[in-house]
């Protein structure tokens, strides 16, 4: 759950709903400067479903230290169980999309494979990361051997995965790793939109432009509460409008030690829609 708070309210965005916005970014990404994701259908699927495992968990928001818990407040056991389930769900529908989701899940615990501040894998998540990296290798082997998918997954992608798993910066260009990095950009952009009531200027780094072109930094400047100016602009037209379903609960609707009251209050309020606009700077 993503929770943005004000003095009087909490705004909730479920993780699957956030992922829907990530999928919207995937569909409209690309212009004369920024290359489209390729192959687009499974990349867009991975973007839209990368948090599918959170669906049941987010039906029952709960309290930590008197306030609604956000997505960083899960226990390792909860987190690994529903992330693994979500990756299995996506993989059953498309192996390429499943590969990207397995990379996303493991990457969250590995500094996003070098695209954000790196850190050692915490012991509580080590088995999960090992399992997902084994899944990644198996999926790449299947995709390389498939006549249809071999156009998009090659032995070079396998070599790049091995570099990432070993904590090395890849030397070769990899379409799979480029699409993974795009997923991280879209994910971070959506979190920026949803995770605060008041926004500050920020920069998203390691943004892929096109094969053979160095990554760039993306400046994000708030124009108003729901409009953000991007420089450079990576989408196929300006403005880009995305809609995210939300629920807003008053702070006085539940006691700070009553999880059941929070769940009742959450489901008692109507679903609203927040519209976010991205414009060229």
Foldseek 3Di string as FASTA:
>chain_A
DFWADDPWKIKDFFPLLLLQQLLLCLVFFADPWFHRQPPRPLLSVLSNQLQVLCVVVVLFFFFDPLHTDHPVPDDLVSLLVSNVVSLVVSCVVPLLSSLLSLLVSLCVQAQSLPQHDGDDRDPSCVVSNVVSLVSNLVSLVVQCPDPVNVVQGHVLQNVCSVCSVVSHHDPDDHSSVLSSLSSVVSSVVSCQLRNYQDHAKDKRWPHHGDPPDGTGIWTWHDPDRAEIAIPPDGGHDPKDKDKGKMFMATSPQDTSHDSVSVSVRRVVTDIDIDMHIYGHD
